[in-house]
Amino acid sequence: MLIGIVSVYAAGFNEDNISIFDFANRSGLQILWVGVACLIAITTMTIESRFYNLFTGFFYGFMLLLMVVTLIFGKEVNGNKSWLSFGPVGIQTVEFMKLATALLLAKTMSAYGFKMANMKDFLQVFLIVLLPFGLTLLQHDTGSALVFSSFIIVFYRAGLKPWIVVSCIFLVFLFILALLVEPYGIVIIMGVTCIGIFVAMTRKYRAALILMGIITVITLALHLGLAQLDIYIDLYESLLIAHAAVIPLGIIYAFWRKIKSVLLIIGFFIISIGTTYSVDYVFDNFLQEHQRRRINDLLGIESDLRGWGYNVHQSKVAIGSGGFLGKGFLEGTQTKGNFIPEQSTDFIFCTVGEEWGFLGAALVVGLYLLLLARLLNVAERQKSLFAKLYGYGVVSIIFFHIFVNIGMTIGIMPVVGIPLPFVSYGGSSLWAFTILIFVLLNLDVSRYE
């Protein structure tokens, strides 16, 4: 938080208002928010630890209602209708919705008899995450909505099968790949991948060779045979039809040989191809224009350094210009020139990189890694499953914020607009992160009760 106050002061430094404590500057307000955060921390620690388990359902329901109220009556900031105004203070309700979701997930998954392998139980926790995710999307706050995807780490810790986690990560990769590669190329990649998975899981090399032979024969027969009838089908289209044709054969083989894994591979292939061919529709209809352009800029599909790519370009210039030791406190030319929009909030890491260089940036990243390691240690030593799973929820949220925020400032993640924990300017995120951590510490203190 001290690093945050200093960085916010540097980002908004004005020769006319040189005091870091001046409430006319964001640094003065940030000090006030930090003071409130300390009071929140003390209050959170004095509450009976059982309260967080008993009333988490009520808290989740209240926050959902508040999200709906925000959607209807909220204040729009930078295109996001996610703020409720209380006089001079604005509260971003989604920040506290993350806390409520982490608590309810922990309570639900720690209940007696809960099993992630049970479809009913899985759908229950999936719905707990889906509701705030959907409401946040309706508020046009895509960055905060994506934070809820980090709870897959909690799902995994609660018993979600590793192959499901790997499949989800692979589908995200496939979505990105589909923006760069023609769909027919992905069909080939997925066909080869699924056959490789089949061989690895069953060791049935002969069946795999026969399958590849059938696909090849059908592809050539369609492509060459129809050409004789003056009906031209592209070779890749023939290959896609061939893959579709062998799916029923694979289902018959799975039931004949009683190999359930084959059905899973077929389902994975169908979902992958469906994802591939739906990417353009989702990309064009569910993302806003500036989001599409930022993703295209990140992937190198198109570039506009004076338009949608301006923020990231200036951010990389600022961080890179800091060199190894940095330019010094209040000496950052990019910072003083106000070249980077939202530098005290979403792009606060630029100030650290420019003024304190590689060493300062490495120190901040190192402190975050120590914080995450400590939180993991605290989560693992809990005696109750509720506290353990909640701890993993805290780690998931904070890790996602750190990775995406720093990633977007150095150009490896799209610009989605989420704060850097405890460093970015703002009361809502600072207070929410404070409560997140101190609820866990409260549970940790009483872990032997």
Protein backbone atom coordinates (compact mmCIF):
# COMPACT_ATOMS: atom_id res chain seq x y z
CA MET A 1 0.00 0.00 0.00
CA LEU A 2 2.92 2.34 0.68
CA ILE A 3 4.28 1.61 -2.80
CA GLY A 4 0.81 2.38 -4.13
CA ILE A 5 0.61 5.76 -2.36
CA VAL A 6 4.04 6.80 -3.67
CA SER A 7 3.24 5.61 -7.20
CA VAL A 8 -0.16 7.35 -7.26
CA TYR A 9 1.54 10.56 -6.09
CA ALA A 10 4.16 10.28 -8.85
CA ALA A 11 1.54 9.49 -11.50
CA GLY A 12 -0.46 12.64 -10.67
CA PHE A 13 2.41 14.89 -9.59
CA ASN A 14 1.66 18.56 -10.08
CA GLU A 15 4.13 21.37 -9.41
CA ASP A 16 1.30 23.46 -7.94
CA ASN A 17 0.29 20.79 -5.39
CA ILE A 18 3.50 19.30 -4.09
CA SER A 19 2.20 17.76 -0.84
CA ILE A 20 1.55 14.03 -0.96
CA PHE A 21 -1.12 14.53 1.73
CA ASP A 22 -3.12 17.11 -0.24
CA PHE A 23 -6.68 15.87 -0.72
CA ALA A 24 -6.78 17.77 -4.00
CA ASN A 25 -4.44 15.06 -5.31
CA ARG A 26 -5.27 11.39 -5.70
CA SER A 27 -2.36 10.52 -3.42
CA GLY A 28 -4.06 12.34 -0.52
CA LEU A 29 -7.30 10.50 -1.18
CA GLN A 30 -5.40 7.21 -1.45
CA ILE A 31 -3.95 7.81 2.02
CA LEU A 32 -7.51 8.32 3.25
CA TRP A 33 -8.62 5.08 1.56
CA VAL A 34 -5.66 3.27 3.17
CA GLY A 35 -6.69 4.61 6.58
CA VAL A 36 -10.22 3.31 6.04
CA ALA A 37 -8.74 -0.03 4.87
CA CYS A 38 -6.84 -0.34 8.16
CA LEU A 39 -10.07 0.24 10.12
CA ILE A 40 -11.80 -2.37 7.93
CA ALA A 41 -8.97 -4.82 8.62
CA ILE A 42 -9.32 -4.37 12.40
CA THR A 43 -13.11 -4.69 12.22
CA THR A 44 -12.85 -7.83 10.07
CA MET A 45 -10.53 -9.45 12.62
CA THR A 46 -12.83 -8.70 15.57
CA ILE A 47 -15.88 -10.44 14.04
CA GLU A 48 -16.55 -14.00 15.23
CA SER A 49 -15.09 -16.31 12.56
CA ARG A 50 -18.24 -18.48 12.38
CA PHE A 51 -20.14 -15.42 11.11
CA TYR A 52 -18.49 -15.73 7.68
CA ASN A 53 -19.75 -19.27 7.21
CA LEU A 54 -23.22 -18.74 8.65
CA PHE A 55 -24.19 -15.57 6.77
CA THR A 56 -22.35 -16.02 3.49
CA GLY A 57 -25.54 -17.00 1.62
CA PHE A 58 -27.28 -13.82 2.76
CA PHE A 59 -24.22 -11.74 1.81
CA TYR A 60 -24.08 -13.32 -1.67
CA GLY A 61 -27.79 -12.66 -2.25
CA PHE A 62 -27.46 -9.07 -1.05
CA MET A 63 -24.51 -8.44 -3.36
CA LEU A 64 -26.39 -9.94 -6.32
CA LEU A 65 -29.25 -7.57 -5.60
CA LEU A 66 -26.80 -4.68 -5.36
CA MET A 67 -25.32 -5.71 -8.73
CA VAL A 68 -28.80 -5.53 -10.29
CA VAL A 69 -29.37 -2.11 -8.68
CA THR A 70 -26.02 -0.98 -10.10
CA LEU A 71 -27.02 -2.21 -13.55
CA ILE A 72 -30.21 -0.10 -13.41
CA PHE A 73 -29.19 2.99 -11.44
CA GLY A 74 -25.39 2.85 -11.55
CA LYS A 75 -23.03 5.53 -12.75
CA GLU A 76 -21.19 4.93 -16.03
CA VAL A 77 -17.41 5.32 -15.85
CA ASN A 78 -15.27 4.71 -18.95
CA GLY A 79 -18.12 2.81 -20.59
CA ASN A 80 -18.67 0.54 -17.56
CA LYS A 81 -21.93 0.89 -15.63
CA SER A 82 -20.53 -0.72 -12.50
CA TRP A 83 -20.45 2.11 -9.96
CA LEU A 84 -22.88 3.22 -7.27
CA SER A 85 -22.45 6.81 -6.10
CA PHE A 86 -22.87 7.77 -2.44
CA GLY A 87 -22.23 11.50 -2.48
CA PRO A 88 -18.54 12.08 -3.32
CA VAL A 89 -17.69 8.38 -2.89
CA GLY A 90 -18.22 5.79 -5.61
CA ILE A 91 -18.37 2.05 -4.88
CA GLN A 92 -17.67 -0.55 -7.55
CA THR A 93 -19.99 -3.32 -6.41
CA VAL A 94 -18.35 -6.09 -8.44
CA GLU A 95 -15.23 -5.88 -6.25
CA PHE A 96 -17.26 -7.02 -3.23
CA MET A 97 -19.18 -9.53 -5.37
CA LYS A 98 -15.90 -11.40 -5.84
CA LEU A 99 -15.60 -11.71 -2.05
CA ALA A 100 -19.18 -12.94 -1.73
CA THR A 101 -18.65 -15.50 -4.50
CA ALA A 102 -15.45 -16.83 -2.89
CA LEU A 103 -17.25 -17.25 0.45
CA LEU A 104 -20.33 -18.99 -0.98
CA LEU A 105 -18.21 -21.31 -3.13
CA ALA A 106 -16.22 -22.31 -0.04
CA LYS A 107 -19.38 -22.94 1.96
CA THR A 108 -21.07 -24.93 -0.82
CA MET A 109 -18.06 -27.09 -1.65
CA SER A 110 -17.29 -27.79 2.02
CA ALA A 111 -20.82 -29.05 2.71
CA TYR A 112 -21.21 -32.68 3.76
CA GLY A 113 -21.53 -35.02 0.78
CA PHE A 114 -20.47 -32.47 -1.84
CA LYS A 115 -18.55 -33.97 -4.76
CA MET A 116 -17.31 -32.16 -7.85
CA ALA A 117 -17.82 -35.37 -9.83
CA ASN A 118 -21.55 -35.17 -9.08
CA MET A 119 -23.20 -33.27 -11.94
CA LYS A 120 -25.81 -31.67 -9.66
CA ASP A 121 -23.13 -30.37 -7.28
CA PHE A 122 -20.98 -29.15 -10.15
CA LEU A 123 -23.87 -27.27 -11.76
CA GLN A 124 -24.65 -25.66 -8.39
CA VAL A 125 -21.18 -24.13 -7.98
CA PHE A 126 -21.04 -23.30 -11.69
CA LEU A 127 -24.26 -21.29 -11.29
CA ILE A 128 -22.81 -19.47 -8.27
CA VAL A 129 -20.02 -18.17 -10.53
CA LEU A 130 -22.16 -17.72 -13.64
CA LEU A 131 -24.69 -15.29 -12.08
CA PRO A 132 -22.19 -12.55 -11.08
CA PHE A 133 -20.21 -13.20 -14.27
CA GLY A 134 -23.30 -12.52 -16.39
CA LEU A 135 -24.34 -9.42 -14.42
CA THR A 136 -20.81 -8.01 -14.73
CA LEU A 137 -20.86 -8.56 -18.48
CA LEU A 138 -24.18 -6.71 -18.67
CA GLN A 139 -22.44 -3.81 -16.93
CA HIS A 140 -19.91 -3.86 -19.82
CA ASP A 141 -17.08 -4.57 -17.37
CA THR A 142 -15.40 -7.42 -19.25
CA GLY A 143 -12.20 -7.28 -17.20
CA SER A 144 -13.94 -7.80 -13.86
CA ALA A 145 -16.16 -10.49 -15.41
CA LEU A 146 -13.08 -12.46 -16.46
CA VAL A 147 -11.85 -12.48 -12.84
CA PHE A 148 -14.62 -14.94 -12.01
CA SER A 149 -12.98 -17.47 -14.37
CA SER A 150 -10.09 -17.67 -11.89
CA PHE A 151 -12.32 -19.72 -9.56
CA ILE A 152 -11.48 -22.76 -11.69
CA ILE A 153 -8.45 -23.00 -9.37
CA VAL A 154 -10.84 -23.46 -6.41
CA PHE A 155 -12.83 -26.03 -8.41
CA TYR A 156 -9.62 -27.96 -9.04
CA ARG A 157 -8.66 -27.84 -5.36
CA ALA A 158 -12.14 -29.12 -4.48
CA GLY A 159 -11.75 -32.18 -6.72
CA LEU A 160 -12.39 -31.09 -10.32
CA LYS A 161 -10.72 -33.59 -12.67
CA PRO A 162 -7.37 -32.30 -14.04
CA TRP A 163 -8.35 -33.14 -17.62
CA ILE A 164 -11.32 -30.75 -17.35
CA VAL A 165 -9.01 -27.92 -16.25
CA VAL A 166 -6.56 -28.72 -19.06
CA SER A 167 -9.44 -28.87 -21.56
CA CYS A 168 -10.71 -25.42 -20.47
CA ILE A 169 -7.22 -23.95 -20.84
CA PHE A 170 -6.90 -25.63 -24.24
CA LEU A 171 -10.23 -24.19 -25.43
CA VAL A 172 -9.03 -20.70 -24.49
CA PHE A 173 -5.86 -21.37 -26.48
CA LEU A 174 -8.00 -22.67 -29.34
CA PHE A 175 -10.10 -19.50 -29.31
CA ILE A 176 -6.94 -17.42 -29.72
CA LEU A 177 -5.54 -19.78 -32.37
CA ALA A 178 -8.77 -19.54 -34.37
CA LEU A 179 -8.20 -15.79 -34.71
CA LEU A 180 -4.81 -16.45 -36.30
CA VAL A 181 -5.30 -19.67 -38.28
CA GLU A 182 -7.90 -20.71 -40.85
CA PRO A 183 -10.54 -23.10 -39.43
CA TYR A 184 -9.48 -25.90 -41.80
CA GLY A 185 -5.99 -25.82 -40.35
CA ILE A 186 -7.37 -26.21 -36.85
CA VAL A 187 -9.47 -29.21 -37.99
CA ILE A 188 -6.24 -30.92 -39.06
CA ILE A 189 -4.50 -30.00 -35.79
CA MET A 190 -7.42 -31.24 -33.69
CA GLY A 191 -7.76 -34.46 -35.70
CA VAL A 192 -4.10 -35.30 -35.15
CA THR A 193 -4.31 -34.24 -31.48
CA CYS A 194 -7.36 -36.41 -30.74
CA ILE A 195 -5.81 -39.44 -32.44
CA GLY A 196 -2.66 -38.87 -30.37
CA ILE A 197 -4.75 -38.69 -27.17
CA PHE A 198 -6.54 -41.90 -28.19
CA VAL A 199 -3.22 -43.73 -28.66
CA ALA A 200 -1.83 -42.35 -25.37
CA MET A 201 -4.91 -43.44 -23.39
CA THR A 202 -5.63 -46.83 -25.01
CA ARG A 203 -2.33 -47.94 -26.62
CA LYS A 204 -4.39 -49.19 -29.61
CA TYR A 205 -1.99 -48.26 -32.41
CA ARG A 206 -3.66 -50.46 -35.02
CA ALA A 207 -7.07 -48.85 -34.48
CA ALA A 208 -5.48 -45.41 -34.79
CA LEU A 209 -3.81 -46.32 -38.10
CA ILE A 210 -7.09 -47.72 -39.45
CA LEU A 211 -8.87 -44.51 -38.42
CA MET A 212 -6.28 -42.36 -40.17
CA GLY A 213 -6.59 -44.55 -43.25
CA ILE A 214 -10.40 -44.20 -43.31
CA ILE A 215 -10.15 -40.40 -43.00
CA THR A 216 -7.59 -40.26 -45.83
CA VAL A 217 -9.67 -42.48 -48.14
CA ILE A 218 -12.90 -40.53 -47.53
CA THR A 219 -11.10 -37.21 -48.04
CA LEU A 220 -9.51 -38.23 -51.35
CA ALA A 221 -12.67 -39.97 -52.56
CA LEU A 222 -14.75 -36.86 -51.98
CA HIS A 223 -12.21 -34.45 -53.41
CA LEU A 224 -11.26 -36.48 -56.51
CA GLY A 225 -14.49 -38.37 -57.06
CA LEU A 226 -16.77 -35.35 -57.04
CA ALA A 227 -14.31 -33.50 -59.28
CA GLN A 228 -15.07 -36.11 -61.96
CA LEU A 229 -18.72 -35.06 -61.72
CA ASP A 230 -17.74 -31.39 -62.11
CA ILE A 231 -18.58 -30.78 -58.45
CA TYR A 232 -15.64 -29.05 -56.83
CA ILE A 233 -15.08 -29.44 -53.08
CA ASP A 234 -11.99 -27.98 -51.52
CA LEU A 235 -9.53 -30.52 -50.07
CA TYR A 236 -9.95 -29.02 -46.60
CA GLU A 237 -13.74 -29.19 -46.86
CA SER A 238 -13.40 -32.85 -47.84
CA LEU A 239 -11.21 -33.40 -44.79
CA LEU A 240 -13.82 -31.79 -42.51
CA ILE A 241 -16.56 -34.01 -43.98
CA ALA A 242 -14.33 -37.05 -43.49
CA HIS A 243 -13.83 -36.22 -39.82
CA ALA A 244 -17.59 -35.81 -39.38
CA ALA A 245 -18.17 -39.14 -41.14
CA VAL A 246 -15.92 -41.14 -38.78
CA ILE A 247 -17.56 -39.76 -35.61
CA PRO A 248 -20.43 -42.33 -35.76
CA LEU A 249 -17.84 -45.06 -36.34
CA GLY A 250 -15.97 -43.88 -33.24
CA ILE A 251 -19.16 -43.96 -31.14
CA ILE A 252 -19.94 -47.51 -32.35
CA TYR A 253 -16.34 -48.56 -31.57
CA ALA A 254 -16.57 -47.04 -28.06
CA PHE A 255 -19.71 -49.03 -27.20
CA TRP A 256 -18.44 -52.19 -28.90
CA ARG A 257 -15.11 -52.15 -27.05
CA LYS A 258 -16.64 -50.55 -23.91
CA ILE A 259 -14.05 -47.76 -23.88
CA LYS A 260 -15.56 -44.64 -22.30
CA SER A 261 -12.47 -42.56 -23.02
CA VAL A 262 -13.24 -42.71 -26.74
CA LEU A 263 -16.57 -40.98 -26.13
CA LEU A 264 -14.77 -38.26 -24.16
CA ILE A 265 -12.28 -37.77 -27.01
CA ILE A 266 -15.10 -37.54 -29.56
CA GLY A 267 -16.94 -35.03 -27.36
CA PHE A 268 -13.74 -32.99 -26.96
CA PHE A 269 -13.24 -32.99 -30.75
CA ILE A 270 -16.82 -31.85 -31.42
CA ILE A 271 -16.60 -29.07 -28.80
CA SER A 272 -13.24 -27.95 -30.20
CA ILE A 273 -14.54 -27.73 -33.76
CA GLY A 274 -17.69 -26.00 -32.55
CA THR A 275 -15.52 -23.49 -30.65
CA THR A 276 -13.39 -22.92 -33.74
CA TYR A 277 -16.31 -22.15 -36.02
CA SER A 278 -18.06 -19.96 -33.42
CA VAL A 279 -15.06 -17.72 -32.70
CA ASP A 280 -15.84 -15.18 -35.42
CA TYR A 281 -19.47 -14.88 -34.30
CA VAL A 282 -18.53 -14.45 -30.62
CA PHE A 283 -15.70 -12.07 -31.49
CA ASP A 284 -17.92 -9.85 -33.67
CA ASN A 285 -21.11 -9.89 -31.59
CA PHE A 286 -20.11 -10.22 -27.91
CA LEU A 287 -17.03 -8.00 -27.74
CA GLN A 288 -17.09 -4.25 -28.06
CA GLU A 289 -15.20 -2.64 -30.93
CA HIS A 290 -12.37 -1.31 -28.77
CA GLN A 291 -11.96 -4.76 -27.19
CA ARG A 292 -11.76 -6.43 -30.60
CA ARG A 293 -9.17 -3.94 -31.75
CA ARG A 294 -7.07 -4.34 -28.62
CA ILE A 295 -7.04 -8.12 -29.05
CA ASN A 296 -6.11 -7.75 -32.72
CA ASP A 297 -3.33 -5.37 -31.72
CA LEU A 298 -2.06 -7.84 -29.09
CA LEU A 299 -2.03 -10.70 -31.62
CA GLY A 300 -0.37 -8.57 -34.29
CA ILE A 301 -3.33 -8.83 -36.68
CA GLU A 302 -3.60 -5.05 -36.96
CA SER A 303 -1.90 -2.10 -35.31
CA ASP A 304 -2.77 1.52 -34.56
CA LEU A 305 -0.26 3.17 -32.25
CA ARG A 306 -2.25 6.39 -32.23
CA GLY A 307 -5.61 4.73 -31.68
CA TRP A 308 -6.57 1.59 -29.80
CA GLY A 309 -2.90 0.53 -29.42
CA TYR A 310 -1.85 3.87 -27.92
CA ASN A 311 -2.15 2.88 -24.23
CA VAL A 312 -0.08 -0.27 -24.48
CA HIS A 313 2.53 1.34 -26.75
CA GLN A 314 3.06 4.26 -24.37
CA SER A 315 3.07 1.84 -21.43
CA LYS A 316 5.86 -0.24 -22.94
CA VAL A 317 7.81 2.91 -23.84
CA ALA A 318 7.54 4.11 -20.22
CA ILE A 319 8.57 0.80 -18.66
CA GLY A 320 11.36 0.24 -21.18
CA SER A 321 12.75 3.75 -20.73
CA GLY A 322 13.25 3.08 -17.03
CA GLY A 323 16.19 0.82 -17.80
CA PHE A 324 17.79 -1.12 -14.98
CA LEU A 325 17.74 1.42 -12.14
CA GLY A 326 14.98 3.77 -13.33
CA LYS A 327 14.91 7.53 -13.89
CA GLY A 328 14.32 8.33 -10.23
CA PHE A 329 11.37 9.43 -8.14
CA LEU A 330 9.27 12.10 -9.94
CA GLU A 331 11.70 12.04 -12.88
CA GLY A 332 9.69 9.92 -15.29
CA THR A 333 9.23 11.87 -18.53
CA GLN A 334 6.36 9.71 -19.79
CA THR A 335 4.66 10.01 -16.41
CA LYS A 336 5.15 13.77 -16.08
CA GLY A 337 4.00 14.28 -19.66
CA ASN A 338 0.70 12.47 -19.02
CA PHE A 339 1.26 10.28 -22.08
CA ILE A 340 -0.40 7.24 -20.50
CA PRO A 341 -4.15 7.35 -19.75
CA GLU A 342 -5.37 5.87 -16.44
CA GLN A 343 -1.81 5.80 -15.12
CA SER A 344 -2.79 6.01 -11.46
CA THR A 345 -5.32 3.15 -11.79
CA ASP A 346 -5.05 0.43 -14.44
CA PHE A 347 -1.56 1.43 -15.67
CA ILE A 348 0.05 2.23 -12.31
CA PHE A 349 2.78 -0.37 -12.97
CA CYS A 350 4.16 1.94 -15.69
CA THR A 351 5.11 4.47 -13.02
CA VAL A 352 7.00 1.81 -11.08
CA GLY A 353 8.80 0.60 -14.21
CA GLU A 354 9.79 4.08 -15.44
CA GLU A 355 10.87 5.67 -12.17
CA TRP A 356 12.33 2.63 -10.39
CA GLY A 357 13.45 0.57 -13.39
CA PHE A 358 13.86 -3.17 -13.61
CA LEU A 359 14.94 -3.43 -9.96
CA GLY A 360 11.85 -1.62 -8.70
CA ALA A 361 9.53 -3.61 -10.96
CA ALA A 362 11.20 -6.86 -9.90
CA LEU A 363 10.80 -5.85 -6.24
CA VAL A 364 7.05 -5.28 -6.70
CA VAL A 365 6.63 -8.60 -8.54
CA GLY A 366 8.72 -10.33 -5.88
CA LEU A 367 6.55 -8.92 -3.08
CA TYR A 368 3.45 -10.18 -4.88
CA LEU A 369 4.98 -13.63 -5.25
CA LEU A 370 5.79 -13.68 -1.53
CA LEU A 371 2.23 -12.58 -0.72
CA LEU A 372 0.74 -15.34 -2.90
CA ALA A 373 3.10 -17.95 -1.42
CA ARG A 374 2.15 -16.85 2.09
CA LEU A 375 -1.57 -16.97 1.27
CA LEU A 376 -1.18 -20.48 -0.16
CA ASN A 377 0.63 -21.55 3.00
CA VAL A 378 -2.14 -20.10 5.19
CA ALA A 379 -4.83 -21.75 3.04
CA GLU A 380 -3.18 -25.18 3.19
CA ARG A 381 -2.79 -25.22 6.97
CA GLN A 382 -6.49 -24.66 7.65
CA LYS A 383 -8.26 -27.38 9.61
CA SER A 384 -11.70 -26.71 8.09
CA LEU A 385 -12.42 -27.33 4.43
CA PHE A 386 -14.42 -24.09 4.29
CA ALA A 387 -11.41 -21.99 5.32
CA LYS A 388 -9.07 -23.93 3.03
CA LEU A 389 -11.25 -23.45 -0.05
CA TYR A 390 -11.88 -19.81 0.79
CA GLY A 391 -8.11 -19.32 1.00
CA TYR A 392 -7.74 -20.71 -2.50
CA GLY A 393 -10.47 -18.31 -3.64
CA VAL A 394 -8.45 -15.40 -2.26
CA VAL A 395 -5.31 -16.63 -4.03
CA SER A 396 -7.22 -17.08 -7.31
CA ILE A 397 -8.64 -13.55 -7.32
CA ILE A 398 -5.40 -11.80 -6.35
CA PHE A 399 -3.27 -13.86 -8.75
CA PHE A 400 -5.59 -13.11 -11.68
CA HIS A 401 -5.50 -9.37 -10.95
CA ILE A 402 -1.71 -9.31 -10.70
CA PHE A 403 -1.09 -11.42 -13.81
CA VAL A 404 -3.56 -9.61 -16.07
CA ASN A 405 -2.78 -6.08 -14.87
CA ILE A 406 1.01 -6.37 -15.19
CA GLY A 407 0.58 -8.44 -18.35
CA MET A 408 -1.45 -5.75 -20.11
CA THR A 409 1.08 -3.02 -19.22
CA ILE A 410 3.90 -4.97 -20.89
CA GLY A 411 1.81 -6.08 -23.85
CA ILE A 412 1.30 -9.80 -23.24
CA MET A 413 -2.36 -9.51 -22.19
CA PRO A 414 -5.23 -7.49 -23.71
CA VAL A 415 -6.22 -4.25 -21.98
CA VAL A 416 -9.28 -5.12 -19.89
CA GLY A 417 -9.10 -2.58 -17.09
CA ILE A 418 -8.66 -4.24 -13.70
CA PRO A 419 -6.66 -2.75 -10.79
CA LEU A 420 -3.31 -3.87 -9.44
CA PRO A 421 -4.03 -5.11 -5.88
CA PHE A 422 -3.19 -2.58 -3.12
CA VAL A 423 -1.22 -0.38 -5.56
CA SER A 424 -3.77 1.07 -8.01
CA TYR A 425 -5.69 4.15 -6.94
CA GLY A 426 -9.22 3.55 -5.69
CA GLY A 427 -11.11 2.76 -2.52
CA SER A 428 -13.41 -0.05 -3.70
CA SER A 429 -10.70 -2.43 -4.86
CA LEU A 430 -8.42 -1.59 -1.92
CA TRP A 431 -11.17 -2.28 0.63
CA ALA A 432 -12.32 -5.44 -1.13
CA PHE A 433 -8.79 -6.88 -1.24
CA THR A 434 -8.32 -5.94 2.43
CA ILE A 435 -11.48 -7.77 3.46
CA LEU A 436 -10.51 -10.77 1.29
CA ILE A 437 -7.21 -11.22 3.09
CA PHE A 438 -8.32 -10.38 6.63
CA VAL A 439 -11.30 -12.74 6.52
CA LEU A 440 -8.77 -15.47 5.75
CA LEU A 441 -6.55 -14.31 8.61
CA ASN A 442 -9.57 -14.32 10.93
CA LEU A 443 -10.33 -17.91 9.93
CA ASP A 444 -6.66 -18.79 10.37
CA VAL A 445 -6.54 -17.40 13.92
CA SER A 446 -9.47 -19.62 14.94
CA ARG A 447 -8.42 -22.72 12.99
CA TYR A 448 -7.92 -24.78 16.19
CA GLU A 449 -11.36 -23.98 17.59
